[in-house]
Protein backbone atom coordinates (compact mmCIF):
# COMPACT_ATOMS: atom_id res chain seq x y z
CA MET A 1 -12.26 -14.29 1.20
CA TYR A 2 -8.79 -12.95 2.09
CA ALA A 3 -8.35 -9.35 3.19
CA ILE A 4 -5.72 -6.99 4.58
CA GLY A 5 -6.20 -4.29 7.16
CA VAL A 6 -3.91 -1.32 7.76
CA VAL A 7 -3.65 1.14 10.63
CA GLU A 8 -1.19 4.03 10.28
CA THR A 9 -0.41 6.28 13.24
CA LEU A 10 1.59 9.45 13.95
CA SER A 11 2.64 8.01 17.29
CA ILE A 12 4.94 5.01 17.65
CA PRO A 13 3.58 4.01 21.09
CA LEU A 14 -0.04 4.33 19.88
CA GLY A 15 0.87 2.34 16.76
CA ILE A 16 2.30 -0.47 18.84
CA LEU A 17 -0.79 -0.40 21.07
CA ALA A 18 -3.04 -0.46 17.99
CA GLY A 19 -1.16 -3.47 16.60
CA ASP A 20 -1.45 -5.33 19.88
CA GLN A 21 -5.18 -4.67 20.06
CA MET A 22 -5.65 -5.71 16.44
CA LEU A 23 -3.99 -9.07 17.09
CA LYS A 24 -5.87 -9.64 20.35
CA THR A 25 -9.27 -8.75 18.85
CA ALA A 26 -9.49 -11.17 15.95
CA ASP A 27 -7.88 -14.20 14.34
CA VAL A 28 -5.58 -12.32 11.94
CA ARG A 29 -1.98 -12.77 10.85
CA LEU A 30 0.53 -9.95 11.28
CA LEU A 31 2.15 -9.08 7.94
CA SER A 32 4.04 -6.00 9.13
CA ALA A 33 4.43 -3.79 12.18
CA GLN A 34 7.13 -1.16 11.87
CA THR A 35 8.22 2.41 12.21
CA VAL A 36 8.31 4.51 9.08
CA CYS A 37 9.66 7.96 8.35
CA ALA A 38 8.38 11.05 10.04
CA GLY A 39 7.85 9.09 13.26
CA LYS A 40 4.89 7.09 11.99
CA TYR A 41 4.01 3.47 12.73
CA ILE A 42 2.14 1.07 10.46
CA VAL A 43 0.46 -2.24 11.22
CA VAL A 44 -0.73 -4.55 8.42
CA VAL A 45 -2.76 -7.67 9.16
CA ALA A 46 -4.37 -10.32 6.95
CA GLY A 47 -7.12 -12.87 7.30
CA GLU A 48 -10.79 -13.44 6.66
CA VAL A 49 -12.69 -10.24 5.86
CA ALA A 50 -14.80 -10.15 9.05
CA ALA A 51 -11.77 -10.77 11.25
CA VAL A 52 -9.72 -8.10 9.48
CA ARG A 53 -12.57 -5.59 9.79
CA SER A 54 -12.80 -6.29 13.55
CA ALA A 55 -9.04 -6.02 13.98
CA ALA A 56 -8.81 -2.77 12.02
CA SER A 57 -11.67 -1.29 14.01
CA ALA A 58 -9.89 -2.15 17.26
CA GLY A 59 -6.68 -0.65 15.90
CA VAL A 60 -8.41 2.58 14.91
CA GLU A 61 -9.99 2.86 18.35
CA SER A 62 -6.64 2.24 20.07
CA ALA A 63 -4.81 4.72 17.85
CA ALA A 64 -7.25 7.43 18.96
CA HIS A 65 -5.91 10.92 18.22
CA GLY A 66 -2.74 9.43 16.67
CA LEU A 67 -4.55 7.90 13.69
CA VAL A 68 -3.28 9.00 10.25
CA ASP A 69 -5.15 6.56 8.03
CA SER A 70 -6.68 3.09 8.00
CA LEU A 71 -8.23 0.75 5.51
CA VAL A 72 -9.56 -2.73 4.91
CA ILE A 73 -9.25 -4.25 1.45
CA PRO A 74 -11.44 -7.33 1.01
CA ASN A 75 -10.19 -9.74 -1.64
CA VAL A 76 -6.80 -8.01 -1.84
CA ASP A 77 -4.70 -8.99 -4.84
CA ALA A 78 -1.78 -11.21 -3.70
CA ARG A 79 0.61 -9.17 -5.87
CA VAL A 80 0.07 -6.19 -3.56
CA ILE A 81 1.37 -8.12 -0.56
CA ARG A 82 4.41 -9.38 -2.52
CA ALA A 83 5.20 -5.86 -3.76
CA MET A 84 4.97 -4.47 -0.21
CA GLN A 85 7.75 -6.89 0.77
CA GLY A 86 10.19 -5.47 -1.80
CA ALA A 87 10.84 -5.03 -5.50
CA CYS A 88 9.54 -7.88 -7.62
CA ASP A 89 11.58 -9.23 -10.52
CA ILE A 90 9.77 -8.33 -13.72
CA GLY A 91 10.72 -9.41 -17.24
CA GLN A 92 10.44 -7.09 -20.24
CA VAL A 93 9.39 -3.54 -19.29
CA GLN A 94 7.36 -1.65 -21.90
CA ALA A 95 6.24 1.18 -19.64
CA VAL A 96 6.60 2.19 -16.01
CA GLY A 97 4.00 3.95 -13.90
CA VAL A 98 4.69 5.60 -10.56
CA VAL A 99 2.17 7.00 -8.08
CA GLU A 100 3.32 8.93 -4.99
CA THR A 101 1.00 9.25 -1.98
CA PHE A 102 0.90 11.16 1.29
CA SER A 103 -0.16 8.12 3.33
CA LEU A 104 1.03 4.55 3.48
CA ALA A 105 -2.50 3.15 3.55
CA CYS A 106 -3.34 5.15 0.42
CA ALA A 107 -0.41 3.59 -1.46
CA ILE A 108 -1.71 0.11 -0.67
CA GLN A 109 -5.21 1.11 -1.83
CA VAL A 110 -3.76 2.58 -5.06
CA ALA A 111 -1.75 -0.59 -5.75
CA ASP A 112 -4.73 -2.89 -5.25
CA ALA A 113 -7.02 -0.78 -7.45
CA ALA A 114 -4.33 -0.51 -10.15
CA VAL A 115 -3.64 -4.25 -10.49
CA LYS A 116 -7.35 -5.05 -10.49
CA ALA A 117 -8.07 -2.47 -13.22
CA ALA A 118 -5.56 -3.42 -15.89
CA ALA A 119 -3.05 -6.06 -17.02
CA VAL A 120 -0.06 -4.67 -15.11
CA GLU A 121 2.50 -6.06 -12.70
CA LEU A 122 3.64 -4.38 -9.52
CA ILE A 123 7.34 -3.77 -9.18
CA GLU A 124 7.14 -2.35 -5.67
CA VAL A 125 4.90 -0.74 -3.06
CA ARG A 126 7.32 1.36 -0.97
CA LEU A 127 5.87 2.27 2.40
CA GLY A 128 7.37 5.41 3.91
CA ARG A 129 10.96 4.41 4.67
CA GLY A 130 13.31 7.26 3.85
CA LEU A 131 10.47 9.19 2.24
CA GLY A 132 9.39 11.71 4.85
CA GLY A 133 6.20 9.75 5.50
CA LYS A 134 5.17 9.46 1.85
CA SER A 135 4.86 6.22 -0.09
CA PHE A 136 4.87 5.19 -3.73
CA VAL A 137 3.78 2.43 -6.09
CA ILE A 138 5.75 1.34 -9.16
CA LEU A 139 4.09 -0.83 -11.81
CA THR A 140 4.75 -1.98 -15.35
CA GLY A 141 2.95 -3.27 -18.42
CA GLU A 142 1.90 -2.03 -21.83
CA VAL A 143 1.57 1.76 -22.03
CA ALA A 144 -2.24 1.78 -22.27
CA ALA A 145 -2.58 -0.69 -19.39
CA VAL A 146 -0.21 1.33 -17.21
CA ARG A 147 -2.19 4.51 -17.95
CA ALA A 148 -5.47 2.75 -17.08
CA ALA A 149 -4.00 1.28 -13.89
CA ILE A 150 -2.61 4.64 -12.74
CA ASP A 151 -5.96 6.31 -13.40
CA ALA A 152 -7.82 3.62 -11.45
CA GLY A 153 -5.36 3.86 -8.57
CA GLU A 154 -5.59 7.64 -8.38
CA HIS A 155 -9.38 7.47 -8.27
CA ALA A 156 -9.70 4.51 -5.90
CA GLU A 157 -11.99 4.79 -2.90
CA ASN A 158 -10.57 6.86 -0.01
CA THR A 159 -7.62 8.28 -1.98
CA GLU A 160 -8.97 11.77 -2.65
CA GLY A 161 -6.42 14.39 -1.63
CA LEU A 162 -3.82 11.76 -0.74
CA VAL A 163 -2.21 11.26 -4.16
CA VAL A 164 0.77 13.60 -4.58
CA SER A 165 1.64 12.95 -8.21
CA SER A 166 1.98 10.26 -10.85
CA VAL A 167 3.76 9.59 -14.10
CA VAL A 168 3.67 7.06 -16.94
CA ILE A 169 6.99 6.50 -18.73
CA PRO A 170 6.78 4.68 -22.09
CA SER A 171 9.94 2.75 -23.03
CA PRO A 172 11.97 3.64 -19.94
CA HIS A 173 15.76 3.61 -20.28
CA PRO A 174 17.21 0.20 -19.25
CA ASP A 175 19.42 1.84 -16.61
CA MET A 176 16.32 3.36 -14.95
CA VAL A 177 14.57 -0.02 -15.03
CA ARG A 178 17.58 -1.62 -13.29
CA ALA A 179 17.54 1.17 -10.69
CA LEU A 180 13.90 0.33 -9.89
CA MET A 181 14.54 -3.38 -9.37
């Protein structure tokens, strides 16, 4: 089973230390290690569930007082990883859903829950760059599916109090769709 693990810190040095410990602790692959707005640092690793759990645990311990959030998602949907790497090219757009979160890890959790709950496609999972430390998820599909996906994402495990707001836009204007791509 494939999983991802995320450690988000308020401290750049502690984030780098956490990432190093994560990679030294278990056989995982580094997907991302970078600074994000508001002076945060995020490390995302992937691999077998047990290895990712061990790596994330080591990262949390290393982050110490600088920890903002962490998570492990077993059986993560591959679309989440693609959407974290940038906007995905989507065909016809019937509706757009957007969820804004306070933490980067929460946005990843929302995206995974959303795509597993309904027949939607992720456009992007934007992790904290130029956003004052917030993140957001953009998805598309039929209106009812987008509503169901947004609801599932907002109520996913460990997201309570971390979702800022959300919206579902039926039949978005083509210029807005192009702006999102």
